[in-house]
């Protein structure tokens, strides 16, 4: 009788444990990351058309913004914050910004960001030259007897940064504007920057001499979206990556870049001229 009573007591305990577990399972939402990320706070470079540029102090325009809206999971609100780019990088490291849009992967950034496995956009890096001073170019070595220009703080990837420091004569200037001025006046022979960003600048500024991009590109490092490792939205990473891959297969990123290159040329913001 004692054995039978013990067996009945054990069965009763198992039944209680099963009921509690079932209730807990039913209380868990099917998409566990949704409540943790109902709003995604993002920032991007406020001066990098046609990829992105700021509109006033509260929002952005550009190819990046439309691509993010297309790729973001349904039900997640997107909240832009407009800040100087270096400040945005710092706040993402602190977890105060969830996502940085359209930036190159570097070892330093990988310490506080996790990047989408699929790219957001291509970002070919080229050497711009004056058309009347164009020179034969097929490889990096063809730049060795020339004077080049780069913008302060720019990196280009693909091994070119180390090669440039070791083998080339390159002058740094504070901005793209200053470098194009130096190129136009003949003070440098070439200027290294993003193809699309350089074309956006050309479309909104006048030069005394026509400027063209040399081919092939110096490097073709893609740019990605990066989630802060401290963000509650980090679980969205794989879903966003998969969606970016779908859109890329349809040719969407390149179409958006061409669309916003035209838009920026026709409607440049007053503070970007």
C-alpha atoms as a PDB file:
ATOM      1  CA  UNK A   1       0.000   0.000   0.000  1.00  0.00           C
ATOM      2  CA  UNK A   2       2.846   2.344   0.798  1.00  0.00           C
ATOM      3  CA  UNK A   3       4.354   1.777  -2.673  1.00  0.00           C
ATOM      4  CA  UNK A   4       1.034   2.474  -4.360  1.00  0.00           C
ATOM      5  CA  UNK A   5       0.577   5.687  -2.375  1.00  0.00           C
ATOM      6  CA  UNK A   6       4.116   6.788  -3.246  1.00  0.00           C
ATOM      7  CA  UNK A   7       3.516   6.149  -6.935  1.00  0.00           C
ATOM      8  CA  UNK A   8       0.288   8.139  -6.848  1.00  0.00           C
ATOM      9  CA  UNK A   9       2.067  11.042  -5.107  1.00  0.00           C
ATOM     10  CA  UNK A  10       4.831  11.054  -7.723  1.00  0.00           C
ATOM     11  CA  UNK A  11       2.296  11.045 -10.546  1.00  0.00           C
ATOM     12  CA  UNK A  12       0.516  13.981  -8.940  1.00  0.00           C
ATOM     13  CA  UNK A  13       3.781  15.956  -8.730  1.00  0.00           C
ATOM     14  CA  UNK A  14       4.611  15.199 -12.377  1.00  0.00           C
ATOM     15  CA  UNK A  15       1.167  16.385 -13.399  1.00  0.00           C
ATOM     16  CA  UNK A  16       1.623  19.654 -11.534  1.00  0.00           C
ATOM     17  CA  UNK A  17       5.075  20.232 -13.070  1.00  0.00           C
ATOM     18  CA  UNK A  18       3.710  19.516 -16.561  1.00  0.00           C
ATOM     19  CA  UNK A  19       0.843  21.990 -16.093  1.00  0.00           C
ATOM     20  CA  UNK A  20       3.212  24.715 -14.890  1.00  0.00           C
ATOM     21  CA  UNK A  21       5.569  24.136 -17.822  1.00  0.00           C
ATOM     22  CA  UNK A  22       2.670  24.251 -20.271  1.00  0.00           C
ATOM     23  CA  UNK A  23       1.433  27.557 -18.880  1.00  0.00           C
ATOM     24  CA  UNK A  24       4.936  29.046 -19.104  1.00  0.00           C
ATOM     25  CA  UNK A  25       5.270  27.930 -22.724  1.00  0.00           C
ATOM     26  CA  UNK A  26       1.921  29.453 -23.623  1.00  0.00           C
ATOM     27  CA  UNK A  27       2.907  32.727 -21.954  1.00  0.00           C
ATOM     28  CA  UNK A  28       6.116  33.001 -24.049  1.00  0.00           C
ATOM     29  CA  UNK A  29       5.511  34.984 -27.253  1.00  0.00           C
ATOM     30  CA  UNK A  30       6.328  33.119 -30.510  1.00  0.00           C
ATOM     31  CA  UNK A  31       8.775  35.840 -31.618  1.00  0.00           C
ATOM     32  CA  UNK A  32      10.892  36.481 -28.559  1.00  0.00           C
ATOM     33  CA  UNK A  33      12.853  39.371 -30.069  1.00  0.00           C
ATOM     34  CA  UNK A  34       9.798  41.433 -31.019  1.00  0.00           C
ATOM     35  CA  UNK A  35       8.984  42.837 -27.551  1.00  0.00           C
ATOM     36  CA  UNK A  36      12.680  43.617 -26.971  1.00  0.00           C
ATOM     37  CA  UNK A  37      12.876  45.682 -30.159  1.00  0.00           C
ATOM     38  CA  UNK A  38       9.698  47.518 -30.912  1.00  0.00           C
ATOM     39  CA  UNK A  39      11.696  50.616 -31.861  1.00  0.00           C
ATOM     40  CA  UNK A  40      15.037  50.642 -33.669  1.00  0.00           C
ATOM     41  CA  UNK A  41      17.103  53.804 -33.174  1.00  0.00           C
ATOM     42  CA  UNK A  42      19.483  54.321 -36.080  1.00  0.00           C
ATOM     43  CA  UNK A  43      21.995  56.831 -37.387  1.00  0.00           C
ATOM     44  CA  UNK A  44      24.050  57.174 -40.528  1.00  0.00           C
ATOM     45  CA  UNK A  45      26.590  59.538 -42.061  1.00  0.00           C
ATOM     46  CA  UNK A  46      24.844  62.925 -42.484  1.00  0.00           C
ATOM     47  CA  UNK A  47      27.173  63.911 -45.363  1.00  0.00           C
ATOM     48  CA  UNK A  48      27.501  60.916 -47.702  1.00  0.00           C
ATOM     49  CA  UNK A  49      25.153  61.310 -50.682  1.00  0.00           C
ATOM     50  CA  UNK A  50      23.737  59.461 -52.542  1.00  0.00           C
ATOM     51  CA  UNK A  51      23.897  56.859 -49.767  1.00  0.00           C
ATOM     52  CA  UNK A  52      22.587  59.200 -47.075  1.00  0.00           C
ATOM     53  CA  UNK A  53      22.426  62.814 -46.008  1.00  0.00           C
ATOM     54  CA  UNK A  54      20.661  64.743 -43.268  1.00  0.00           C
ATOM     55  CA  UNK A  55      17.490  66.757 -43.753  1.00  0.00           C
ATOM     56  CA  UNK A  56      17.524  69.377 -41.025  1.00  0.00           C
ATOM     57  CA  UNK A  57      18.293  68.075 -37.553  1.00  0.00           C
ATOM     58  CA  UNK A  58      15.734  65.296 -37.306  1.00  0.00           C
ATOM     59  CA  UNK A  59      15.853  62.937 -40.281  1.00  0.00           C
ATOM     60  CA  UNK A  60      17.741  61.619 -43.304  1.00  0.00           C
ATOM     61  CA  UNK A  61      17.251  61.035 -47.010  1.00  0.00           C
ATOM     62  CA  UNK A  62      19.072  58.817 -49.472  1.00  0.00           C
ATOM     63  CA  UNK A  63      19.428  55.270 -50.751  1.00  0.00           C
ATOM     64  CA  UNK A  64      20.314  53.925 -47.304  1.00  0.00           C
ATOM     65  CA  UNK A  65      17.072  55.129 -45.752  1.00  0.00           C
ATOM     66  CA  UNK A  66      14.831  53.568 -48.374  1.00  0.00           C
ATOM     67  CA  UNK A  67      16.758  50.292 -48.270  1.00  0.00           C
ATOM     68  CA  UNK A  68      16.476  50.148 -44.470  1.00  0.00           C
ATOM     69  CA  UNK A  69      12.732  50.771 -44.667  1.00  0.00           C
ATOM     70  CA  UNK A  70      12.416  47.927 -47.180  1.00  0.00           C
ATOM     71  CA  UNK A  71      14.562  45.514 -45.163  1.00  0.00           C
ATOM     72  CA  UNK A  72      13.404  46.192 -41.596  1.00  0.00           C
ATOM     73  CA  UNK A  73      11.148  43.517 -40.045  1.00  0.00           C
ATOM     74  CA  UNK A  74       7.455  44.343 -39.998  1.00  0.00           C
ATOM     75  CA  UNK A  75       6.245  45.920 -36.781  1.00  0.00           C
ATOM     76  CA  UNK A  76       9.571  47.506 -35.836  1.00  0.00           C
ATOM     77  CA  UNK A  77       9.470  51.312 -35.736  1.00  0.00           C
ATOM     78  CA  UNK A  78      12.485  53.101 -37.198  1.00  0.00           C
ATOM     79  CA  UNK A  79      13.654  56.164 -35.287  1.00  0.00           C
ATOM     80  CA  UNK A  80      16.421  58.288 -36.896  1.00  0.00           C
ATOM     81  CA  UNK A  81      18.795  60.400 -34.837  1.00  0.00           C
ATOM     82  CA  UNK A  82      20.927  62.969 -36.668  1.00  0.00           C
ATOM     83  CA  UNK A  83      24.396  63.397 -35.184  1.00  0.00           C
ATOM     84  CA  UNK A  84      27.952  64.019 -36.348  1.00  0.00           C
ATOM     85  CA  UNK A  85      29.240  60.696 -37.659  1.00  0.00           C
ATOM     86  CA  UNK A  86      31.990  60.264 -35.044  1.00  0.00           C
ATOM     87  CA  UNK A  87      29.462  60.934 -32.278  1.00  0.00           C
ATOM     88  CA  UNK A  88      27.103  58.310 -33.741  1.00  0.00           C
ATOM     89  CA  UNK A  89      29.906  55.731 -33.734  1.00  0.00           C
ATOM     90  CA  UNK A  90      30.624  56.472 -30.077  1.00  0.00           C
ATOM     91  CA  UNK A  91      26.979  56.177 -29.016  1.00  0.00           C
ATOM     92  CA  UNK A  92      26.583  52.886 -30.884  1.00  0.00           C
ATOM     93  CA  UNK A  93      29.517  51.558 -28.888  1.00  0.00           C
ATOM     94  CA  UNK A  94      27.679  52.568 -25.703  1.00  0.00           C
ATOM     95  CA  UNK A  95      24.439  50.915 -26.868  1.00  0.00           C
ATOM     96  CA  UNK A  96      22.547  54.211 -27.102  1.00  0.00           C
ATOM     97  CA  UNK A  97      22.078  53.742 -30.849  1.00  0.00           C
ATOM     98  CA  UNK A  98      20.840  50.347 -32.058  1.00  0.00           C
ATOM     99  CA  UNK A  99      21.966  50.446 -35.694  1.00  0.00           C
ATOM    100  CA  UNK A 100      24.507  52.254 -37.843  1.00  0.00           C
ATOM    101  CA  UNK A 101      23.558  52.171 -41.502  1.00  0.00           C
ATOM    102  CA  UNK A 102      25.884  51.820 -44.482  1.00  0.00           C
ATOM    103  CA  UNK A 103      29.415  51.639 -43.177  1.00  0.00           C
ATOM    104  CA  UNK A 104      32.532  49.653 -43.980  1.00  0.00           C
ATOM    105  CA  UNK A 105      33.557  46.739 -41.762  1.00  0.00           C
ATOM    106  CA  UNK A 106      36.818  47.388 -39.915  1.00  0.00           C
ATOM    107  CA  UNK A 107      38.506  45.538 -37.026  1.00  0.00           C
ATOM    108  CA  UNK A 108      37.965  48.540 -34.742  1.00  0.00           C
ATOM    109  CA  UNK A 109      34.250  48.771 -35.483  1.00  0.00           C
ATOM    110  CA  UNK A 110      33.838  45.010 -35.090  1.00  0.00           C
ATOM    111  CA  UNK A 111      34.712  45.400 -31.412  1.00  0.00           C
ATOM    112  CA  UNK A 112      31.351  47.039 -30.720  1.00  0.00           C
ATOM    113  CA  UNK A 113      29.214  46.275 -33.782  1.00  0.00           C
ATOM    114  CA  UNK A 114      27.947  43.088 -35.359  1.00  0.00           C
ATOM    115  CA  UNK A 115      27.494  43.491 -39.110  1.00  0.00           C
ATOM    116  CA  UNK A 116      24.924  42.034 -41.457  1.00  0.00           C
ATOM    117  CA  UNK A 117      26.325  38.975 -43.228  1.00  0.00           C
ATOM    118  CA  UNK A 118      25.091  40.349 -46.547  1.00  0.00           C
ATOM    119  CA  UNK A 119      26.058  43.774 -47.826  1.00  0.00           C
ATOM    120  CA  UNK A 120      23.770  46.764 -47.957  1.00  0.00           C
ATOM    121  CA  UNK A 121      25.477  48.431 -50.930  1.00  0.00           C
ATOM    122  CA  UNK A 122      28.486  48.214 -53.191  1.00  0.00           C
ATOM    123  CA  UNK A 123      30.932  51.049 -52.577  1.00  0.00           C
ATOM    124  CA  UNK A 124      33.652  51.089 -55.248  1.00  0.00           C
ATOM    125  CA  UNK A 125      36.623  53.309 -54.404  1.00  0.00           C
ATOM    126  CA  UNK A 126      38.178  55.092 -57.391  1.00  0.00           C
ATOM    127  CA  UNK A 127      40.773  57.682 -58.322  1.00  0.00           C
ATOM    128  CA  UNK A 128      39.262  60.843 -59.812  1.00  0.00           C
ATOM    129  CA  UNK A 129      41.464  62.817 -62.216  1.00  0.00           C
ATOM    130  CA  UNK A 130      41.149  65.857 -64.453  1.00  0.00           C
ATOM    131  CA  UNK A 131      40.113  64.657 -67.898  1.00  0.00           C
ATOM    132  CA  UNK A 132      42.839  66.729 -69.589  1.00  0.00           C
ATOM    133  CA  UNK A 133      45.496  65.254 -67.261  1.00  0.00           C
ATOM    134  CA  UNK A 134      44.378  61.651 -67.407  1.00  0.00           C
ATOM    135  CA  UNK A 135      47.190  59.077 -67.275  1.00  0.00           C
ATOM    136  CA  UNK A 136      47.416  55.333 -68.011  1.00  0.00           C
ATOM    137  CA  UNK A 137      46.138  53.356 -65.049  1.00  0.00           C
ATOM    138  CA  UNK A 138      45.669  49.614 -64.594  1.00  0.00           C
ATOM    139  CA  UNK A 139      47.112  48.919 -61.123  1.00  0.00           C
ATOM    140  CA  UNK A 140      48.154  50.694 -57.920  1.00  0.00           C
ATOM    141  CA  UNK A 141      51.773  50.955 -59.055  1.00  0.00           C
ATOM    142  CA  UNK A 142      50.666  53.340 -61.815  1.00  0.00           C
ATOM    143  CA  UNK A 143      50.065  55.944 -59.079  1.00  0.00           C
ATOM    144  CA  UNK A 144      53.597  55.850 -57.665  1.00  0.00           C
ATOM    145  CA  UNK A 145      55.018  58.806 -59.604  1.00  0.00           C
ATOM    146  CA  UNK A 146      51.924  60.965 -58.999  1.00  0.00           C
ATOM    147  CA  UNK A 147      50.700  63.143 -56.141  1.00  0.00           C
ATOM    148  CA  UNK A 148      47.401  61.981 -54.735  1.00  0.00           C
ATOM    149  CA  UNK A 149      44.815  63.345 -52.349  1.00  0.00           C
ATOM    150  CA  UNK A 150      42.576  61.761 -49.707  1.00  0.00           C
ATOM    151  CA  UNK A 151      40.130  63.154 -47.174  1.00  0.00           C
ATOM    152  CA  UNK A 152      41.198  63.170 -43.541  1.00  0.00           C
ATOM    153  CA  UNK A 153      40.192  59.970 -41.757  1.00  0.00           C
ATOM    154  CA  UNK A 154      39.108  58.034 -44.872  1.00  0.00           C
ATOM    155  CA  UNK A 155      40.004  54.339 -45.191  1.00  0.00           C
ATOM    156  CA  UNK A 156      39.616  52.276 -48.355  1.00  0.00           C
ATOM    157  CA  UNK A 157      40.190  48.597 -47.558  1.00  0.00           C
ATOM    158  CA  UNK A 158      41.413  45.799 -49.767  1.00  0.00           C
ATOM    159  CA  UNK A 159      45.006  46.388 -48.659  1.00  0.00           C
ATOM    160  CA  UNK A 160      45.209  49.800 -50.318  1.00  0.00           C
ATOM    161  CA  UNK A 161      45.601  51.749 -47.068  1.00  0.00           C
ATOM    162  CA  UNK A 162      48.871  50.008 -46.162  1.00  0.00           C
ATOM    163  CA  UNK A 163      50.133  50.228 -49.751  1.00  0.00           C
ATOM    164  CA  UNK A 164      49.295  53.938 -49.897  1.00  0.00           C
ATOM    165  CA  UNK A 165      51.210  54.708 -46.702  1.00  0.00           C
ATOM    166  CA  UNK A 166      54.250  52.721 -47.805  1.00  0.00           C
ATOM    167  CA  UNK A 167      54.463  53.423 -51.530  1.00  0.00           C
ATOM    168  CA  UNK A 168      52.536  56.533 -52.568  1.00  0.00           C
ATOM    169  CA  UNK A 169      52.873  60.269 -52.122  1.00  0.00           C
ATOM    170  CA  UNK A 170      49.459  61.305 -50.836  1.00  0.00           C
ATOM    171  CA  UNK A 171      48.304  64.540 -49.203  1.00  0.00           C
ATOM    172  CA  UNK A 172      45.448  64.660 -46.700  1.00  0.00           C
ATOM    173  CA  UNK A 173      42.857  67.439 -46.863  1.00  0.00           C
ATOM    174  CA  UNK A 174      39.981  68.112 -44.442  1.00  0.00           C
ATOM    175  CA  UNK A 175      37.169  67.350 -46.890  1.00  0.00           C
ATOM    176  CA  UNK A 176      36.054  66.137 -50.286  1.00  0.00           C
ATOM    177  CA  UNK A 177      35.454  69.761 -51.260  1.00  0.00           C
ATOM    178  CA  UNK A 178      39.069  70.737 -50.595  1.00  0.00           C
ATOM    179  CA  UNK A 179      40.383  67.713 -52.474  1.00  0.00           C
ATOM    180  CA  UNK A 180      38.295  68.409 -55.566  1.00  0.00           C
ATOM    181  CA  UNK A 181      39.487  72.018 -55.486  1.00  0.00           C
ATOM    182  CA  UNK A 182      43.102  70.849 -55.366  1.00  0.00           C
ATOM    183  CA  UNK A 183      42.443  68.430 -58.222  1.00  0.00           C
ATOM    184  CA  UNK A 184      40.760  71.112 -60.316  1.00  0.00           C
ATOM    185  CA  UNK A 185      43.663  73.529 -59.781  1.00  0.00           C
ATOM    186  CA  UNK A 186      46.295  70.919 -60.617  1.00  0.00           C
ATOM    187  CA  UNK A 187      47.826  70.785 -57.121  1.00  0.00           C
ATOM    188  CA  UNK A 188      47.249  67.007 -57.009  1.00  0.00           C
ATOM    189  CA  UNK A 189      47.090  64.462 -59.835  1.00  0.00           C
ATOM    190  CA  UNK A 190      44.317  62.261 -58.459  1.00  0.00           C
ATOM    191  CA  UNK A 191      41.823  62.105 -55.581  1.00  0.00           C
ATOM    192  CA  UNK A 192      40.781  58.792 -53.985  1.00  0.00           C
ATOM    193  CA  UNK A 193      37.198  58.512 -52.759  1.00  0.00           C
ATOM    194  CA  UNK A 194      33.898  56.629 -53.211  1.00  0.00           C
ATOM    195  CA  UNK A 195      32.691  56.563 -56.821  1.00  0.00           C
ATOM    196  CA  UNK A 196      29.070  57.356 -55.971  1.00  0.00           C
ATOM    197  CA  UNK A 197      29.883  59.987 -53.342  1.00  0.00           C
ATOM    198  CA  UNK A 198      32.303  61.661 -55.754  1.00  0.00           C
ATOM    199  CA  UNK A 199      29.705  61.674 -58.501  1.00  0.00           C
ATOM    200  CA  UNK A 200      27.169  63.254 -56.144  1.00  0.00           C
ATOM    201  CA  UNK A 201      29.643  66.032 -55.376  1.00  0.00           C
ATOM    202  CA  UNK A 202      30.355  66.565 -59.078  1.00  0.00           C
ATOM    203  CA  UNK A 203      26.644  66.794 -59.816  1.00  0.00           C
ATOM    204  CA  UNK A 204      26.198  69.731 -57.441  1.00  0.00           C
ATOM    205  CA  UNK A 205      29.428  71.697 -57.993  1.00  0.00           C
ATOM    206  CA  UNK A 206      31.100  73.443 -60.894  1.00  0.00           C
ATOM    207  CA  UNK A 207      34.655  72.746 -61.984  1.00  0.00           C
ATOM    208  CA  UNK A 208      36.941  74.693 -64.286  1.00  0.00           C
ATOM    209  CA  UNK A 209      38.016  71.364 -65.795  1.00  0.00           C
ATOM    210  CA  UNK A 210      36.015  68.156 -66.390  1.00  0.00           C
ATOM    211  CA  UNK A 211      36.772  65.389 -63.889  1.00  0.00           C
ATOM    212  CA  UNK A 212      36.550  61.642 -64.588  1.00  0.00           C
ATOM    213  CA  UNK A 213      37.036  58.432 -62.588  1.00  0.00           C
ATOM    214  CA  UNK A 214      39.816  56.041 -63.529  1.00  0.00           C
ATOM    215  CA  UNK A 215      39.011  52.360 -64.068  1.00  0.00           C
ATOM    216  CA  UNK A 216      39.397  49.755 -62.612  1.00  0.00           C
ATOM    217  CA  UNK A 217      38.401  50.733 -59.052  1.00  0.00           C
ATOM    218  CA  UNK A 218      41.135  50.947 -56.441  1.00  0.00           C
ATOM    219  CA  UNK A 219      39.084  48.690 -54.173  1.00  0.00           C
ATOM    220  CA  UNK A 220      35.533  47.368 -54.050  1.00  0.00           C
ATOM    221  CA  UNK A 221      34.785  47.053 -50.362  1.00  0.00           C
ATOM    222  CA  UNK A 222      31.045  46.673 -49.724  1.00  0.00           C
ATOM    223  CA  UNK A 223      29.271  48.540 -46.952  1.00  0.00           C
ATOM    224  CA  UNK A 224      26.933  46.912 -44.430  1.00  0.00           C
ATOM    225  CA  UNK A 225      24.485  47.667 -41.630  1.00  0.00           C
ATOM    226  CA  UNK A 226      25.955  47.273 -38.130  1.00  0.00           C
ATOM    227  CA  UNK A 227      24.042  46.527 -34.902  1.00  0.00           C
ATOM    228  CA  UNK A 228      25.408  47.629 -31.550  1.00  0.00           C
ATOM    229  CA  UNK A 229      26.452  44.602 -29.509  1.00  0.00           C
ATOM    230  CA  UNK A 230      24.626  46.244 -26.581  1.00  0.00           C
ATOM    231  CA  UNK A 231      21.359  46.738 -28.447  1.00  0.00           C
ATOM    232  CA  UNK A 232      18.200  44.762 -27.614  1.00  0.00           C
ATOM    233  CA  UNK A 233      17.577  44.779 -31.378  1.00  0.00           C
ATOM    234  CA  UNK A 234      20.618  42.580 -32.071  1.00  0.00           C
ATOM    235  CA  UNK A 235      18.437  39.434 -32.538  1.00  0.00           C
ATOM    236  CA  UNK A 236      17.058  41.070 -35.712  1.00  0.00           C
ATOM    237  CA  UNK A 237      20.457  40.712 -37.387  1.00  0.00           C
ATOM    238  CA  UNK A 238      19.846  37.451 -39.249  1.00  0.00           C
ATOM    239  CA  UNK A 239      16.399  38.491 -40.482  1.00  0.00           C
ATOM    240  CA  UNK A 240      17.761  41.804 -41.766  1.00  0.00           C
ATOM    241  CA  UNK A 241      20.692  40.039 -43.466  1.00  0.00           C
ATOM    242  CA  UNK A 242      18.376  37.607 -45.234  1.00  0.00           C
ATOM    243  CA  UNK A 243      16.176  40.430 -46.473  1.00  0.00           C
ATOM    244  CA  UNK A 244      19.202  42.392 -47.745  1.00  0.00           C
ATOM    245  CA  UNK A 245      20.291  39.324 -49.702  1.00  0.00           C
ATOM    246  CA  UNK A 246      16.849  39.079 -51.332  1.00  0.00           C
ATOM    247  CA  UNK A 247      16.864  42.751 -52.306  1.00  0.00           C
ATOM    248  CA  UNK A 248      20.422  42.566 -53.635  1.00  0.00           C
ATOM    249  CA  UNK A 249      19.494  39.601 -55.850  1.00  0.00           C
ATOM    250  CA  UNK A 250      16.804  41.832 -57.375  1.00  0.00           C
ATOM    251  CA  UNK A 251      19.291  44.629 -58.089  1.00  0.00           C
ATOM    252  CA  UNK A 252      17.594  46.996 -55.642  1.00  0.00           C
ATOM    253  CA  UNK A 253      20.695  48.616 -54.032  1.00  0.00           C
ATOM    254  CA  UNK A 254      22.201  49.750 -57.359  1.00  0.00           C
ATOM    255  CA  UNK A 255      18.839  51.095 -58.531  1.00  0.00           C
ATOM    256  CA  UNK A 256      18.461  53.069 -55.304  1.00  0.00           C
ATOM    257  CA  UNK A 257      21.942  54.561 -55.684  1.00  0.00           C
ATOM    258  CA  UNK A 258      21.145  55.748 -59.220  1.00  0.00           C
ATOM    259  CA  UNK A 259      17.749  57.062 -58.081  1.00  0.00           C
ATOM    260  CA  UNK A 260      19.168  59.130 -55.237  1.00  0.00           C
ATOM    261  CA  UNK A 261      22.133  60.318 -57.265  1.00  0.00           C
ATOM    262  CA  UNK A 262      19.622  61.927 -59.642  1.00  0.00           C
ATOM    263  CA  UNK A 263      17.499  63.190 -56.754  1.00  0.00           C
ATOM    264  CA  UNK A 264      20.461  64.780 -54.970  1.00  0.00           C
ATOM    265  CA  UNK A 265      21.650  66.448 -58.172  1.00  0.00           C
ATOM    266  CA  UNK A 266      18.194  67.929 -58.795  1.00  0.00           C
ATOM    267  CA  UNK A 267      17.389  68.842 -55.158  1.00  0.00           C
ATOM    268  CA  UNK A 268      20.601  69.365 -53.168  1.00  0.00           C
ATOM    269  CA  UNK A 269      20.018  70.481 -49.558  1.00  0.00           C
ATOM    270  CA  UNK A 270      21.036  74.094 -49.020  1.00  0.00           C
ATOM    271  CA  UNK A 271      23.536  73.174 -46.285  1.00  0.00           C
ATOM    272  CA  UNK A 272      25.251  70.612 -48.540  1.00  0.00           C
ATOM    273  CA  UNK A 273      26.059  72.963 -51.389  1.00  0.00           C
END
